């Protein structure tokens, strides 16, 4: 499935999400319209309880709307079974988390190989692809290191390599610099910028940090279950690109 730059990869139309019933009912999303084109780099911001996490769960095919429609790469996600959504996640989406989510007793290379094992890829091919992904994030020579032998920034690079080894159409990053110091955060943002610009990967990133959001080309702010603002941004550049 090829995507032409600028064509919609994410389309939300009047999406709501309601949890609970009666007096305990929570309207997490109140009718969201959002379109993200191929190759965009978007920051999603908002205070706790604003609806941004609920929206990201829907975008990542981890949850479904109560009403409204969500199309991912033109596919109406709400009409899919849980198994079909899992297949969509596996084939077209990559995920990076604040806590890295690496297997602690497993080498960097084996951590990156993991999504390819789920795809049933032969060992030799998946090992070669995992090595290339680690090289792309600047970790050649660290393939045999386990997570506790790596710095926080290096662990996040392994997590990013794991996310891109399947060549996803969309990369979802949830507070990817939340556990990192300022200098390391800048390195990670350079890397994500490089992946967006050189590989053309669409990136949707949740962050509460304005100095991280400024690296993106678009900032969407949530409040009280609605999109409060949606603005284009001239991204920050610091030093040479990584990649």
Protein backbone atom coordinates (compact mmCIF):
# COMPACT_ATOMS: atom_id res chain seq x y z
CA UNK A 1 0.00 0.00 0.00
CA UNK A 2 1.81 3.12 -1.24
CA UNK A 3 0.95 6.61 -0.02
CA UNK A 4 1.41 9.75 -2.09
CA UNK A 5 2.77 12.70 -0.05
CA UNK A 6 -0.08 14.87 1.19
CA UNK A 7 -2.86 12.32 0.64
CA UNK A 8 -4.89 11.64 3.81
CA UNK A 9 -3.63 8.74 5.88
CA UNK A 10 -5.77 9.64 8.91
CA UNK A 11 -9.35 10.92 8.65
CA UNK A 12 -11.55 11.44 11.69
CA UNK A 13 -15.10 12.66 11.10
CA UNK A 14 -17.32 13.68 14.03
CA UNK A 15 -15.68 11.09 16.26
CA UNK A 16 -17.01 10.74 19.80
CA UNK A 17 -15.94 8.45 22.62
CA UNK A 18 -18.13 7.86 25.66
CA UNK A 19 -17.16 5.76 28.67
CA UNK A 20 -19.61 4.51 31.29
CA UNK A 21 -23.33 5.16 31.68
CA UNK A 22 -25.69 7.44 33.57
CA UNK A 23 -24.15 9.78 36.11
CA UNK A 24 -20.78 8.07 35.69
CA UNK A 25 -20.67 8.73 31.96
CA UNK A 26 -17.56 10.45 30.62
CA UNK A 27 -17.55 12.04 27.17
CA UNK A 28 -13.84 11.79 26.37
CA UNK A 29 -14.27 13.01 22.77
CA UNK A 30 -17.14 15.27 21.73
CA UNK A 31 -17.10 15.23 17.94
CA UNK A 32 -13.58 15.41 16.50
CA UNK A 33 -12.74 16.22 12.88
CA UNK A 34 -9.08 15.68 12.00
CA UNK A 35 -7.21 14.92 8.78
CA UNK A 36 -3.49 14.14 8.65
CA UNK A 37 -1.76 13.80 5.30
CA UNK A 38 1.02 11.44 4.27
CA UNK A 39 4.42 12.76 5.33
CA UNK A 40 3.19 15.15 8.01
CA UNK A 41 4.86 15.52 11.42
CA UNK A 42 2.16 16.45 13.94
CA UNK A 43 2.37 17.19 17.67
CA UNK A 44 -0.73 16.45 19.76
CA UNK A 45 -0.95 18.48 22.98
CA UNK A 46 -3.41 19.15 25.76
CA UNK A 47 -3.83 18.91 29.53
CA UNK A 48 -4.66 15.67 31.34
CA UNK A 49 -8.26 14.69 30.59
CA UNK A 50 -8.37 16.73 27.37
CA UNK A 51 -9.05 13.70 25.16
CA UNK A 52 -5.67 13.48 23.44
CA UNK A 53 -4.83 10.02 24.80
CA UNK A 54 -8.28 8.69 23.88
CA UNK A 55 -7.83 10.08 20.38
CA UNK A 56 -4.39 8.47 20.05
CA UNK A 57 -5.79 5.10 21.14
CA UNK A 58 -8.37 5.35 18.38
CA UNK A 59 -5.78 6.46 15.81
CA UNK A 60 -3.54 3.53 16.80
CA UNK A 61 -6.44 1.07 16.31
CA UNK A 62 -6.33 0.19 20.02
CA UNK A 63 -9.88 1.49 20.54
CA UNK A 64 -12.90 2.38 18.40
CA UNK A 65 -15.15 5.45 18.37
CA UNK A 66 -18.57 5.45 20.02
CA UNK A 67 -19.83 7.33 16.96
CA UNK A 68 -18.38 8.98 13.89
CA UNK A 69 -15.89 7.46 11.46
CA UNK A 70 -12.15 6.84 11.41
CA UNK A 71 -10.40 5.98 8.17
CA UNK A 72 -6.77 4.84 8.23
CA UNK A 73 -5.18 4.71 4.77
CA UNK A 74 -8.73 4.86 3.41
CA UNK A 75 -9.89 1.85 5.46
CA UNK A 76 -12.94 2.45 7.72
CA UNK A 77 -11.50 1.14 10.99
CA UNK A 78 -14.83 1.05 12.86
CA UNK A 79 -16.10 -1.69 10.56
CA UNK A 80 -13.16 -4.01 11.31
CA UNK A 81 -13.01 -6.84 13.82
CA UNK A 82 -10.43 -6.74 16.61
CA UNK A 83 -8.30 -9.24 14.65
CA UNK A 84 -8.47 -7.07 11.53
CA UNK A 85 -7.46 -3.99 13.54
CA UNK A 86 -4.53 -5.95 14.99
CA UNK A 87 -3.45 -6.85 11.45
CA UNK A 88 -3.68 -3.19 10.41
CA UNK A 89 -1.50 -2.20 13.40
CA UNK A 90 1.05 -4.88 12.63
CA UNK A 91 1.35 -4.10 8.93
CA UNK A 92 1.13 -0.31 8.78
CA UNK A 93 1.76 1.29 12.19
CA UNK A 94 4.79 1.76 14.44
CA UNK A 95 4.73 2.77 18.11
CA UNK A 96 7.29 4.49 20.37
CA UNK A 97 6.60 4.99 24.07
CA UNK A 98 7.96 7.14 26.90
CA UNK A 99 9.12 4.06 28.83
CA UNK A 100 10.87 2.42 25.82
CA UNK A 101 9.08 -0.95 26.45
CA UNK A 102 12.12 -3.05 25.61
CA UNK A 103 12.54 -6.66 26.74
CA UNK A 104 15.11 -6.38 29.53
CA UNK A 105 17.02 -9.63 28.98
CA UNK A 106 17.01 -9.37 25.20
CA UNK A 107 19.70 -7.77 23.03
CA UNK A 108 19.10 -4.64 20.99
CA UNK A 109 19.11 -6.71 17.79
CA UNK A 110 16.58 -9.20 19.18
CA UNK A 111 14.33 -6.40 20.44
CA UNK A 112 14.28 -4.86 16.96
CA UNK A 113 13.64 -8.25 15.33
CA UNK A 114 10.53 -8.88 17.41
CA UNK A 115 7.89 -7.33 15.08
CA UNK A 116 9.39 -9.27 12.16
CA UNK A 117 9.05 -12.55 14.09
CA UNK A 118 5.32 -11.80 14.42
CA UNK A 119 5.23 -11.40 10.65
CA UNK A 120 6.82 -14.81 10.17
CA UNK A 121 9.89 -13.44 8.40
CA UNK A 122 12.82 -15.87 7.96
CA UNK A 123 15.61 -15.43 10.52
CA UNK A 124 18.34 -14.34 8.12
CA UNK A 125 16.19 -11.67 6.49
CA UNK A 126 14.83 -10.28 9.72
CA UNK A 127 18.32 -10.12 11.26
CA UNK A 128 19.62 -8.16 8.27
CA UNK A 129 16.68 -5.73 8.44
CA UNK A 130 17.12 -5.29 12.18
CA UNK A 131 20.82 -4.48 11.70
CA UNK A 132 19.93 -1.89 9.05
CA UNK A 133 17.35 -0.29 11.35
CA UNK A 134 19.85 -0.07 14.21
CA UNK A 135 22.41 1.47 11.85
CA UNK A 136 19.81 4.02 10.75
CA UNK A 137 19.31 5.19 14.34
CA UNK A 138 23.08 5.36 14.96
CA UNK A 139 23.55 2.15 16.95
CA UNK A 140 25.85 0.06 14.76
CA UNK A 141 28.11 -1.93 17.06
CA UNK A 142 25.55 -2.05 19.88
CA UNK A 143 23.54 -4.98 18.51
CA UNK A 144 24.50 -7.38 21.32
CA UNK A 145 23.90 -4.94 24.18
CA UNK A 146 20.93 -5.53 26.49
CA UNK A 147 18.92 -2.49 27.67
CA UNK A 148 20.73 -2.04 31.02
CA UNK A 149 23.99 -1.68 29.07
CA UNK A 150 22.56 1.27 27.14
CA UNK A 151 21.79 4.86 28.10
CA UNK A 152 18.21 6.12 28.11
CA UNK A 153 18.74 7.81 24.76
CA UNK A 154 20.22 4.65 23.27
CA UNK A 155 17.29 2.60 24.59
CA UNK A 156 14.87 4.98 22.91
CA UNK A 157 16.85 4.63 19.68
CA UNK A 158 16.43 0.86 19.91
CA UNK A 159 12.69 1.40 20.43
CA UNK A 160 12.57 3.66 17.37
CA UNK A 161 14.49 1.09 15.32
CA UNK A 162 11.96 -1.54 16.41
CA UNK A 163 9.14 0.77 15.32
CA UNK A 164 10.58 1.48 11.86
CA UNK A 165 11.94 -2.00 11.01
CA UNK A 166 8.52 -2.94 9.58
CA UNK A 167 8.55 0.20 7.37
CA UNK A 168 5.30 1.60 8.81
CA UNK A 169 3.17 4.21 7.09
CA UNK A 170 2.49 5.99 10.40
CA UNK A 171 4.63 6.24 13.52
CA UNK A 172 2.85 7.07 16.77
CA UNK A 173 5.15 8.48 19.46
CA UNK A 174 3.76 8.89 22.99
CA UNK A 175 5.95 11.32 24.99
CA UNK A 176 9.10 9.90 23.33
CA UNK A 177 11.40 12.29 25.22
CA UNK A 178 9.54 12.19 28.54
CA UNK A 179 12.24 10.19 30.35
CA UNK A 180 15.23 11.93 28.74
CA UNK A 181 17.37 14.96 29.56
CA UNK A 182 17.38 18.02 27.33
CA UNK A 183 20.45 17.17 25.24
CA UNK A 184 19.26 13.60 24.64
CA UNK A 185 15.75 14.84 23.83
CA UNK A 186 17.23 17.03 21.09
CA UNK A 187 19.07 14.01 19.64
CA UNK A 188 15.83 11.99 19.56
CA UNK A 189 13.93 14.85 17.91
CA UNK A 190 16.68 15.18 15.27
CA UNK A 191 16.30 11.47 14.60
CA UNK A 192 12.50 11.63 14.30
CA UNK A 193 12.81 14.68 12.03
CA UNK A 194 15.25 12.79 9.81
CA UNK A 195 12.90 9.78 9.58
CA UNK A 196 10.04 12.09 8.66
CA UNK A 197 11.97 14.04 6.04
CA UNK A 198 14.15 11.31 4.53
CA UNK A 199 11.88 8.29 4.80
CA UNK A 200 8.62 10.20 4.49
CA UNK A 201 7.12 8.47 7.55
CA UNK A 202 4.03 10.22 8.87
CA UNK A 203 4.60 10.92 12.58
CA UNK A 204 1.95 11.73 15.18
CA UNK A 205 3.53 12.59 18.53
CA UNK A 206 1.93 13.27 21.90
CA UNK A 207 3.92 15.67 24.05
CA UNK A 208 3.24 18.09 26.89
CA UNK A 209 6.52 19.93 26.30
CA UNK A 210 6.34 23.06 24.09
CA UNK A 211 10.09 22.87 23.34
CA UNK A 212 9.54 19.39 21.89
CA UNK A 213 6.40 20.33 19.95
CA UNK A 214 8.31 23.08 18.11
CA UNK A 215 10.20 20.41 16.16
CA UNK A 216 7.01 19.41 14.34
CA UNK A 217 5.29 21.00 11.36
CA UNK A 218 1.82 21.11 12.90
CA UNK A 219 0.50 21.39 16.47
CA UNK A 220 -3.00 20.14 17.38
CA UNK A 221 -4.22 21.10 20.87
CA UNK A 222 -7.02 19.30 22.70
CA UNK A 223 -9.19 20.62 25.52
CA UNK A 224 -12.34 19.16 27.08
CA UNK A 225 -12.76 16.49 24.40
CA UNK A 226 -12.50 18.94 21.51
CA UNK A 227 -9.73 20.26 19.26
CA UNK A 228 -9.00 23.72 20.63
CA UNK A 229 -6.52 24.71 17.91
CA UNK A 230 -4.82 23.23 14.86
CA UNK A 231 -1.91 25.30 13.59
CA UNK A 232 0.94 24.95 11.13
CA UNK A 233 4.41 25.40 12.61
CA UNK A 234 7.83 26.28 11.25
CA UNK A 235 9.89 23.49 12.78
CA UNK A 236 12.96 24.14 14.88
CA UNK A 237 16.36 23.04 13.61
CA UNK A 238 19.40 22.48 15.82
CA UNK A 239 22.69 21.41 14.26
CA UNK A 240 23.08 18.58 11.77
CA UNK A 241 20.36 16.04 11.09
CA UNK A 242 20.88 12.50 12.36
CA UNK A 243 20.25 9.69 9.93
